[in-house]
Amino acid sequence: MKVKLRDGTSRGFTLIEVSAVLIMIGILSTLLVSRIPLNSENDLRAEAEILTAHIRYVTLLALSNDQDQWSIAFTGGSYSLEKNSSSATVSLPGENDNTHTLSSGISITVDVETQTLMFQIGTGPVVDYTITLKNENAVTRTITVHKETGYVE
């Protein structure tokens, strides 16, 4: 938009300047949108997949070792791997230690009083377990672990 001044000169923005500003606004808005956290349903789905993988890993540990009892203890917004009812020195897959902390806004409940998914020595879980993950929108994901086989669905 050019404006003609009294002295006969004109001032304004060229098409290139306007285009450059619009491109910069587009880049900045893309960066801001990409920083918005994933929605809670995607977080819930991801946490359910991570937990399923961790349960399968513990099942493998229990089936491959006939001397130690393996378990997953659920506490608040996290769970941890245990060996012979104490903290394991083995890390969970994808973690730096034996504990996984759930994403913000996701809670976990287990249908047994002990809040521990326990595997028999050399076999699978002692009983059937139902684990429910729930986000702040009350959307749930249920994971079932079958006794003896450790099959997870």
N, C-alpha and C. Protein backbone atom coordinates (compact mmCIF):
# COMPACT_ATOMS: atom_id res chain seq x y z
N MET A 1 0.85 -1.17 0.00
CA MET A 1 0.00 0.00 0.00
C MET A 1 0.89 1.23 0.00
N LYS A 2 0.77 2.01 -1.02
CA LYS A 2 1.60 3.21 -1.15
C LYS A 2 0.80 4.44 -0.78
N VAL A 3 1.47 5.36 -0.12
CA VAL A 3 0.86 6.62 0.29
C VAL A 3 1.67 7.75 -0.34
N LYS A 4 1.00 8.66 -1.04
CA LYS A 4 1.70 9.77 -1.65
C LYS A 4 1.78 10.93 -0.66
N LEU A 5 3.00 11.39 -0.42
CA LEU A 5 3.22 12.47 0.53
C LEU A 5 3.11 13.83 -0.18
N ARG A 6 3.04 14.94 0.60
CA ARG A 6 2.91 16.28 0.05
C ARG A 6 4.09 16.68 -0.82
N ASP A 7 5.27 16.18 -0.49
CA ASP A 7 6.45 16.57 -1.26
C ASP A 7 6.59 15.76 -2.55
N GLY A 8 5.61 14.91 -2.88
CA GLY A 8 5.62 14.17 -4.13
C GLY A 8 6.23 12.79 -4.04
N THR A 9 6.86 12.47 -2.89
CA THR A 9 7.43 11.13 -2.75
C THR A 9 6.36 10.18 -2.25
N SER A 10 6.58 8.92 -2.51
CA SER A 10 5.61 7.94 -2.03
C SER A 10 6.30 6.96 -1.09
N ARG A 11 5.54 6.50 -0.11
CA ARG A 11 6.06 5.55 0.87
C ARG A 11 5.09 4.39 0.95
N GLY A 12 5.60 3.20 1.30
CA GLY A 12 4.73 2.04 1.45
C GLY A 12 5.55 0.77 1.44
N PHE A 13 4.84 -0.34 1.45
CA PHE A 13 5.48 -1.64 1.46
C PHE A 13 5.44 -2.23 0.06
N THR A 14 6.51 -2.85 -0.33
CA THR A 14 6.51 -3.54 -1.62
C THR A 14 5.87 -4.91 -1.44
N LEU A 15 5.54 -5.52 -2.54
CA LEU A 15 4.93 -6.84 -2.52
C LEU A 15 5.88 -7.87 -1.89
N ILE A 16 7.16 -7.70 -2.09
CA ILE A 16 8.15 -8.62 -1.51
C ILE A 16 8.17 -8.48 0.01
N GLU A 17 8.09 -7.26 0.52
CA GLU A 17 8.10 -7.06 1.96
C GLU A 17 6.85 -7.65 2.62
N VAL A 18 5.70 -7.45 2.00
CA VAL A 18 4.46 -8.01 2.54
C VAL A 18 4.52 -9.54 2.52
N SER A 19 5.02 -10.11 1.42
CA SER A 19 5.14 -11.57 1.31
C SER A 19 6.08 -12.12 2.38
N ALA A 20 7.19 -11.45 2.61
CA ALA A 20 8.16 -11.91 3.62
C ALA A 20 7.53 -11.91 5.01
N VAL A 21 6.76 -10.88 5.32
CA VAL A 21 6.11 -10.81 6.63
C VAL A 21 5.08 -11.94 6.77
N LEU A 22 4.29 -12.20 5.73
CA LEU A 22 3.31 -13.29 5.78
C LEU A 22 3.98 -14.65 5.94
N ILE A 23 5.09 -14.85 5.27
CA ILE A 23 5.83 -16.12 5.40
C ILE A 23 6.34 -16.27 6.83
N MET A 24 6.87 -15.20 7.42
CA MET A 24 7.37 -15.28 8.80
C MET A 24 6.23 -15.57 9.78
N ILE A 25 5.08 -14.95 9.57
CA ILE A 25 3.92 -15.23 10.44
C ILE A 25 3.51 -16.69 10.30
N GLY A 26 3.53 -17.22 9.09
CA GLY A 26 3.20 -18.63 8.88
C GLY A 26 4.16 -19.57 9.58
N ILE A 27 5.45 -19.26 9.50
CA ILE A 27 6.46 -20.11 10.16
C ILE A 27 6.29 -20.06 11.67
N LEU A 28 6.10 -18.87 12.22
CA LEU A 28 5.92 -18.74 13.66
C LEU A 28 4.66 -19.46 14.15
N SER A 29 3.56 -19.33 13.40
CA SER A 29 2.33 -20.02 13.82
C SER A 29 2.49 -21.53 13.75
N THR A 30 3.25 -22.03 12.77
CA THR A 30 3.50 -23.47 12.68
C THR A 30 4.31 -23.94 13.89
N LEU A 31 5.30 -23.17 14.29
CA LEU A 31 6.09 -23.54 15.46
C LEU A 31 5.24 -23.55 16.73
N LEU A 32 4.37 -22.57 16.87
CA LEU A 32 3.52 -22.52 18.06
C LEU A 32 2.53 -23.68 18.09
N VAL A 33 1.94 -24.02 16.97
CA VAL A 33 0.98 -25.12 16.92
C VAL A 33 1.67 -26.44 17.21
N SER A 34 2.89 -26.61 16.74
CA SER A 34 3.61 -27.87 16.97
C SER A 34 3.99 -28.06 18.44
N ARG A 35 4.00 -27.00 19.22
CA ARG A 35 4.33 -27.10 20.64
C ARG A 35 3.13 -27.43 21.51
N ILE A 36 1.94 -27.44 20.96
CA ILE A 36 0.75 -27.81 21.72
C ILE A 36 0.83 -29.30 22.02
N PRO A 37 0.64 -29.70 23.27
CA PRO A 37 0.78 -31.12 23.62
C PRO A 37 -0.28 -31.97 22.93
N LEU A 38 0.04 -33.25 22.79
CA LEU A 38 -0.90 -34.19 22.20
C LEU A 38 -2.18 -34.21 23.00
N ASN A 39 -3.27 -34.49 22.33
CA ASN A 39 -4.52 -34.55 23.09
C ASN A 39 -4.51 -35.76 24.01
N SER A 40 -5.36 -35.72 24.99
CA SER A 40 -5.32 -36.72 26.05
C SER A 40 -5.68 -38.13 25.57
N GLU A 41 -6.47 -38.25 24.50
CA GLU A 41 -6.80 -39.58 24.00
C GLU A 41 -5.59 -40.25 23.37
N ASN A 42 -4.76 -39.47 22.68
CA ASN A 42 -3.53 -40.02 22.12
C ASN A 42 -2.57 -40.42 23.24
N ASP A 43 -2.49 -39.59 24.28
CA ASP A 43 -1.65 -39.92 25.43
C ASP A 43 -2.11 -41.21 26.08
N LEU A 44 -3.43 -41.37 26.21
CA LEU A 44 -4.00 -42.57 26.82
C LEU A 44 -3.66 -43.80 25.99
N ARG A 45 -3.83 -43.69 24.69
CA ARG A 45 -3.52 -44.81 23.80
C ARG A 45 -2.03 -45.19 23.90
N ALA A 46 -1.17 -44.18 23.92
CA ALA A 46 0.27 -44.42 24.01
C ALA A 46 0.63 -45.08 25.33
N GLU A 47 0.05 -44.61 26.44
CA GLU A 47 0.33 -45.21 27.75
C GLU A 47 -0.14 -46.65 27.82
N ALA A 48 -1.28 -46.95 27.18
CA ALA A 48 -1.78 -48.33 27.16
C ALA A 48 -0.82 -49.23 26.38
N GLU A 49 -0.28 -48.75 25.29
CA GLU A 49 0.67 -49.53 24.50
C GLU A 49 1.98 -49.75 25.28
N ILE A 50 2.43 -48.72 25.97
CA ILE A 50 3.66 -48.84 26.77
C ILE A 50 3.46 -49.86 27.88
N LEU A 51 2.33 -49.76 28.59
CA LEU A 51 2.05 -50.70 29.67
C LEU A 51 1.95 -52.13 29.15
N THR A 52 1.29 -52.31 28.02
CA THR A 52 1.18 -53.64 27.42
C THR A 52 2.56 -54.21 27.11
N ALA A 53 3.43 -53.40 26.54
CA ALA A 53 4.80 -53.85 26.24
C ALA A 53 5.55 -54.21 27.52
N HIS A 54 5.38 -53.41 28.57
CA HIS A 54 6.06 -53.69 29.83
C HIS A 54 5.54 -54.98 30.47
N ILE A 55 4.23 -55.22 30.39
CA ILE A 55 3.67 -56.46 30.93
C ILE A 55 4.22 -57.67 30.16
N ARG A 56 4.30 -57.55 28.85
CA ARG A 56 4.86 -58.65 28.05
C ARG A 56 6.32 -58.90 28.41
N TYR A 57 7.05 -57.84 28.69
CA TYR A 57 8.45 -57.98 29.08
C TYR A 57 8.57 -58.72 30.41
N VAL A 58 7.73 -58.36 31.38
CA VAL A 58 7.77 -59.02 32.69
C VAL A 58 7.34 -60.49 32.55
N THR A 59 6.37 -60.75 31.68
CA THR A 59 5.97 -62.14 31.42
C THR A 59 7.15 -62.93 30.89
N LEU A 60 7.89 -62.35 29.98
CA LEU A 60 9.08 -63.01 29.44
C LEU A 60 10.12 -63.26 30.53
N LEU A 61 10.32 -62.29 31.41
CA LEU A 61 11.27 -62.48 32.52
C LEU A 61 10.83 -63.64 33.42
N ALA A 62 9.52 -63.68 33.71
CA ALA A 62 9.01 -64.73 34.60
C ALA A 62 9.11 -66.11 33.96
N LEU A 63 8.83 -66.19 32.67
CA LEU A 63 8.87 -67.49 31.99
C LEU A 63 10.29 -67.98 31.76
N SER A 64 11.24 -67.07 31.67
CA SER A 64 12.62 -67.47 31.40
C SER A 64 13.45 -67.66 32.66
N ASN A 65 12.85 -67.44 33.84
CA ASN A 65 13.60 -67.53 35.07
C ASN A 65 12.77 -68.29 36.10
N ASP A 66 13.28 -69.43 36.54
CA ASP A 66 12.52 -70.24 37.49
C ASP A 66 13.00 -70.08 38.94
N GLN A 67 13.75 -69.00 39.20
CA GLN A 67 14.25 -68.78 40.56
C GLN A 67 13.70 -67.50 41.19
N ASP A 68 13.27 -66.55 40.37
CA ASP A 68 12.84 -65.25 40.88
C ASP A 68 11.37 -65.00 40.57
N GLN A 69 10.72 -64.27 41.47
CA GLN A 69 9.34 -63.88 41.25
C GLN A 69 9.33 -62.42 40.78
N TRP A 70 8.72 -62.18 39.63
CA TRP A 70 8.66 -60.86 39.04
C TRP A 70 7.26 -60.28 39.20
N SER A 71 7.19 -58.96 39.34
CA SER A 71 5.89 -58.31 39.48
C SER A 71 5.99 -56.86 39.03
N ILE A 72 4.81 -56.27 38.80
CA ILE A 72 4.70 -54.85 38.51
C ILE A 72 3.83 -54.25 39.61
N ALA A 73 4.38 -53.29 40.33
CA ALA A 73 3.65 -52.64 41.43
C ALA A 73 3.13 -51.29 40.94
N PHE A 74 1.83 -51.07 41.09
CA PHE A 74 1.18 -49.83 40.66
C PHE A 74 0.98 -48.92 41.86
N THR A 75 1.48 -47.69 41.75
CA THR A 75 1.31 -46.71 42.81
C THR A 75 1.01 -45.35 42.20
N GLY A 76 -0.15 -44.82 42.48
CA GLY A 76 -0.52 -43.48 41.99
C GLY A 76 -0.42 -43.37 40.48
N GLY A 77 0.40 -42.47 40.02
CA GLY A 77 0.57 -42.22 38.60
C GLY A 77 1.77 -42.89 38.00
N SER A 78 2.21 -44.01 38.60
CA SER A 78 3.37 -44.71 38.05
C SER A 78 3.29 -46.20 38.40
N TYR A 79 4.20 -46.96 37.84
CA TYR A 79 4.35 -48.36 38.19
C TYR A 79 5.81 -48.74 38.07
N SER A 80 6.21 -49.78 38.80
CA SER A 80 7.62 -50.16 38.79
C SER A 80 7.77 -51.68 38.76
N LEU A 81 8.90 -52.11 38.26
CA LEU A 81 9.24 -53.51 38.15
C LEU A 81 9.86 -53.97 39.47
N GLU A 82 9.38 -55.12 39.96
CA GLU A 82 9.91 -55.68 41.19
C GLU A 82 10.40 -57.11 40.95
N LYS A 83 11.41 -57.47 41.72
CA LYS A 83 11.97 -58.82 41.68
C LYS A 83 12.00 -59.33 43.10
N ASN A 84 11.32 -60.45 43.35
CA ASN A 84 11.23 -61.03 44.68
C ASN A 84 10.72 -60.01 45.71
N SER A 85 9.68 -59.27 45.34
CA SER A 85 8.99 -58.29 46.19
C SER A 85 9.82 -57.09 46.61
N SER A 86 10.91 -56.82 45.90
CA SER A 86 11.67 -55.60 46.15
C SER A 86 12.05 -54.97 44.81
N SER A 87 12.49 -53.76 44.85
CA SER A 87 12.80 -53.02 43.63
C SER A 87 13.82 -53.77 42.77
N ALA A 88 13.51 -53.94 41.49
CA ALA A 88 14.41 -54.66 40.59
C ALA A 88 15.52 -53.74 40.10
N THR A 89 16.66 -54.32 39.81
CA THR A 89 17.78 -53.56 39.26
C THR A 89 17.72 -53.52 37.74
N VAL A 90 16.76 -54.21 37.16
CA VAL A 90 16.59 -54.26 35.71
C VAL A 90 15.68 -53.11 35.28
N SER A 91 16.03 -52.43 34.19
CA SER A 91 15.21 -51.34 33.68
C SER A 91 14.07 -51.86 32.82
N LEU A 92 12.97 -51.16 32.84
CA LEU A 92 11.88 -51.46 31.92
C LEU A 92 12.29 -51.02 30.52
N PRO A 93 11.83 -51.71 29.48
CA PRO A 93 12.19 -51.31 28.11
C PRO A 93 11.77 -49.87 27.82
N GLY A 94 12.69 -49.10 27.26
CA GLY A 94 12.42 -47.71 26.93
C GLY A 94 12.53 -46.75 28.10
N GLU A 95 12.91 -47.25 29.27
CA GLU A 95 13.04 -46.41 30.46
C GLU A 95 14.49 -46.41 30.94
N ASN A 96 14.82 -45.43 31.77
CA ASN A 96 16.17 -45.37 32.33
C ASN A 96 16.32 -46.18 33.61
N ASP A 97 15.18 -46.60 34.17
CA ASP A 97 15.24 -47.41 35.38
C ASP A 97 14.04 -48.35 35.41
N ASN A 98 13.68 -48.83 36.59
CA ASN A 98 12.61 -49.83 36.69
C ASN A 98 11.23 -49.20 36.90
N THR A 99 11.10 -47.88 36.75
CA THR A 99 9.83 -47.20 36.99
C THR A 99 9.38 -46.45 35.74
N HIS A 100 8.07 -46.47 35.52
CA HIS A 100 7.48 -45.68 34.43
C HIS A 100 6.44 -44.75 35.06
N THR A 101 6.55 -43.46 34.76
CA THR A 101 5.59 -42.48 35.24
C THR A 101 4.61 -42.17 34.11
N LEU A 102 3.32 -42.24 34.43
CA LEU A 102 2.29 -41.99 33.43
C LEU A 102 2.26 -40.52 33.03
N SER A 103 1.76 -40.26 31.83
CA SER A 103 1.60 -38.89 31.36
C SER A 103 0.63 -38.14 32.28
N SER A 104 0.79 -36.85 32.32
CA SER A 104 -0.06 -36.00 33.15
C SER A 104 -1.53 -36.19 32.77
N GLY A 105 -2.40 -36.31 33.77
CA GLY A 105 -3.83 -36.44 33.55
C GLY A 105 -4.31 -37.86 33.36
N ILE A 106 -3.42 -38.84 33.43
CA ILE A 106 -3.81 -40.24 33.26
C ILE A 106 -3.66 -40.96 34.58
N SER A 107 -4.71 -41.70 34.97
CA SER A 107 -4.67 -42.48 36.20
C SER A 107 -4.78 -43.96 35.86
N ILE A 108 -4.39 -44.80 36.82
CA ILE A 108 -4.39 -46.23 36.60
C ILE A 108 -5.03 -46.93 37.79
N THR A 109 -5.85 -47.93 37.53
CA THR A 109 -6.43 -48.74 38.59
C THR A 109 -6.28 -50.20 38.23
N VAL A 110 -6.08 -51.01 39.26
CA VAL A 110 -5.93 -52.45 39.10
C VAL A 110 -7.03 -53.11 39.92
N ASP A 111 -7.59 -54.20 39.42
CA ASP A 111 -8.75 -54.81 40.08
C ASP A 111 -8.40 -55.74 41.25
N VAL A 112 -7.18 -55.67 41.74
CA VAL A 112 -6.81 -56.49 42.90
C VAL A 112 -6.37 -55.57 44.04
N GLU A 113 -6.56 -56.03 45.26
CA GLU A 113 -6.26 -55.21 46.44
C GLU A 113 -4.78 -54.85 46.57
N THR A 114 -3.91 -55.76 46.17
CA THR A 114 -2.49 -55.53 46.38
C THR A 114 -1.90 -54.48 45.46
N GLN A 115 -2.63 -54.10 44.39
CA GLN A 115 -2.13 -53.16 43.39
C GLN A 115 -0.82 -53.66 42.76
N THR A 116 -0.64 -54.98 42.73
CA THR A 116 0.57 -55.56 42.17
C THR A 116 0.20 -56.68 41.21
N LEU A 117 0.74 -56.61 40.02
CA LEU A 117 0.57 -57.66 39.02
C LEU A 117 1.71 -58.64 39.23
N MET A 118 1.42 -59.78 39.85
CA MET A 118 2.44 -60.73 40.28
C MET A 118 2.47 -61.95 39.37
N PHE A 119 3.67 -62.38 39.00
CA PHE A 119 3.87 -63.55 38.15
C PHE A 119 4.44 -64.69 38.98
N GLN A 120 3.91 -65.89 38.76
CA GLN A 120 4.45 -67.06 39.45
C GLN A 120 5.84 -67.36 38.91
N ILE A 121 6.65 -68.02 39.74
CA ILE A 121 7.99 -68.37 39.32
C ILE A 121 7.89 -69.35 38.15
N GLY A 122 8.48 -68.98 37.04
CA GLY A 122 8.52 -69.84 35.87
C GLY A 122 7.26 -69.87 35.03
N THR A 123 6.22 -69.13 35.43
CA THR A 123 4.98 -69.09 34.64
C THR A 123 4.43 -67.68 34.59
N GLY A 124 3.15 -67.56 34.26
CA GLY A 124 2.51 -66.26 34.14
C GLY A 124 1.92 -65.76 35.44
N PRO A 125 0.96 -64.83 35.34
CA PRO A 125 0.34 -64.24 36.53
C PRO A 125 -0.41 -65.26 37.38
N VAL A 126 -0.59 -64.93 38.65
CA VAL A 126 -1.26 -65.79 39.61
C VAL A 126 -2.77 -65.84 39.33
N VAL A 127 -3.37 -64.70 39.00
CA VAL A 127 -4.81 -64.59 38.71
C VAL A 127 -5.00 -63.71 37.48
N ASP A 128 -6.23 -63.67 36.97
CA ASP A 128 -6.54 -62.73 35.89
C ASP A 128 -6.49 -61.31 36.45
N TYR A 129 -5.91 -60.40 35.71
CA TYR A 129 -5.82 -59.00 36.11
C TYR A 129 -6.51 -58.12 35.09
N THR A 130 -7.22 -57.12 35.57
CA THR A 130 -7.78 -56.09 34.71
C THR A 130 -7.22 -54.76 35.16
N ILE A 131 -6.58 -54.08 34.23
CA ILE A 131 -5.94 -52.79 34.52
C ILE A 131 -6.66 -51.74 33.68
N THR A 132 -7.07 -50.66 34.31
CA THR A 132 -7.80 -49.61 33.60
C THR A 132 -7.02 -48.31 33.65
N LEU A 133 -6.77 -47.75 32.48
CA LEU A 133 -6.16 -46.43 32.36
C LEU A 133 -7.28 -45.44 32.02
N LYS A 134 -7.24 -44.26 32.65
CA LYS A 134 -8.32 -43.28 32.45
C LYS A 134 -7.72 -41.89 32.36
N ASN A 135 -8.20 -41.09 31.39
CA ASN A 135 -7.70 -39.72 31.28
C ASN A 135 -8.66 -38.74 31.93
N GLU A 136 -8.33 -37.46 31.87
CA GLU A 136 -9.15 -36.45 32.55
C GLU A 136 -10.51 -36.27 31.91
N ASN A 137 -10.70 -36.77 30.69
CA ASN A 137 -12.00 -36.70 30.02
C ASN A 137 -12.84 -37.94 30.28
N ALA A 138 -12.41 -38.79 31.21
CA ALA A 138 -13.09 -40.03 31.59
C ALA A 138 -13.10 -41.07 30.48
N VAL A 139 -12.22 -40.94 29.50
CA VAL A 139 -12.05 -41.97 28.47
C VAL A 139 -11.14 -43.04 29.07
N THR A 140 -11.51 -44.31 28.89
CA THR A 140 -10.73 -45.39 29.50
C THR A 140 -10.19 -46.35 28.46
N ARG A 141 -9.12 -47.03 28.84
CA ARG A 141 -8.54 -48.14 28.09
C ARG A 141 -8.35 -49.25 29.10
N THR A 142 -8.82 -50.45 28.77
CA THR A 142 -8.70 -51.58 29.67
C THR A 142 -7.74 -52.60 29.11
N ILE A 143 -6.86 -53.09 29.98
CA ILE A 143 -5.90 -54.13 29.61
C ILE A 143 -6.19 -55.33 30.50
N THR A 144 -6.33 -56.49 29.91
CA THR A 144 -6.57 -57.71 30.67
C THR A 144 -5.36 -58.63 30.51
N VAL A 145 -4.88 -59.15 31.64
CA VAL A 145 -3.77 -60.09 31.66
C VAL A 145 -4.31 -61.42 32.19
N HIS A 146 -4.21 -62.48 31.40
CA HIS A 146 -4.77 -63.77 31.79
C HIS A 146 -3.80 -64.57 32.63
N LYS A 147 -4.36 -65.26 33.64
CA LYS A 147 -3.52 -66.03 34.55
C LYS A 147 -2.83 -67.18 33.81
N GLU A 148 -1.74 -67.59 34.37
CA GLU A 148 -0.89 -68.69 33.92
C GLU A 148 -0.20 -68.42 32.58
N THR A 149 -0.93 -67.95 31.56
CA THR A 149 -0.30 -67.72 30.27
C THR A 149 0.32 -66.33 30.16
N GLY A 150 -0.24 -65.36 30.87
CA GLY A 150 0.25 -63.98 30.78
C GLY A 150 -0.20 -63.29 29.51
N TYR A 151 -1.16 -63.89 28.79
CA TYR A 151 -1.66 -63.28 27.56
C TYR A 151 -2.27 -61.92 27.86
N VAL A 152 -1.89 -60.92 27.07
CA VAL A 152 -2.35 -59.56 27.30
C VAL A 152 -3.27 -59.14 26.16
N GLU A 153 -4.43 -58.62 26.53
CA GLU A 153 -5.34 -58.08 25.49
C GLU A 153 -5.93 -56.76 25.90
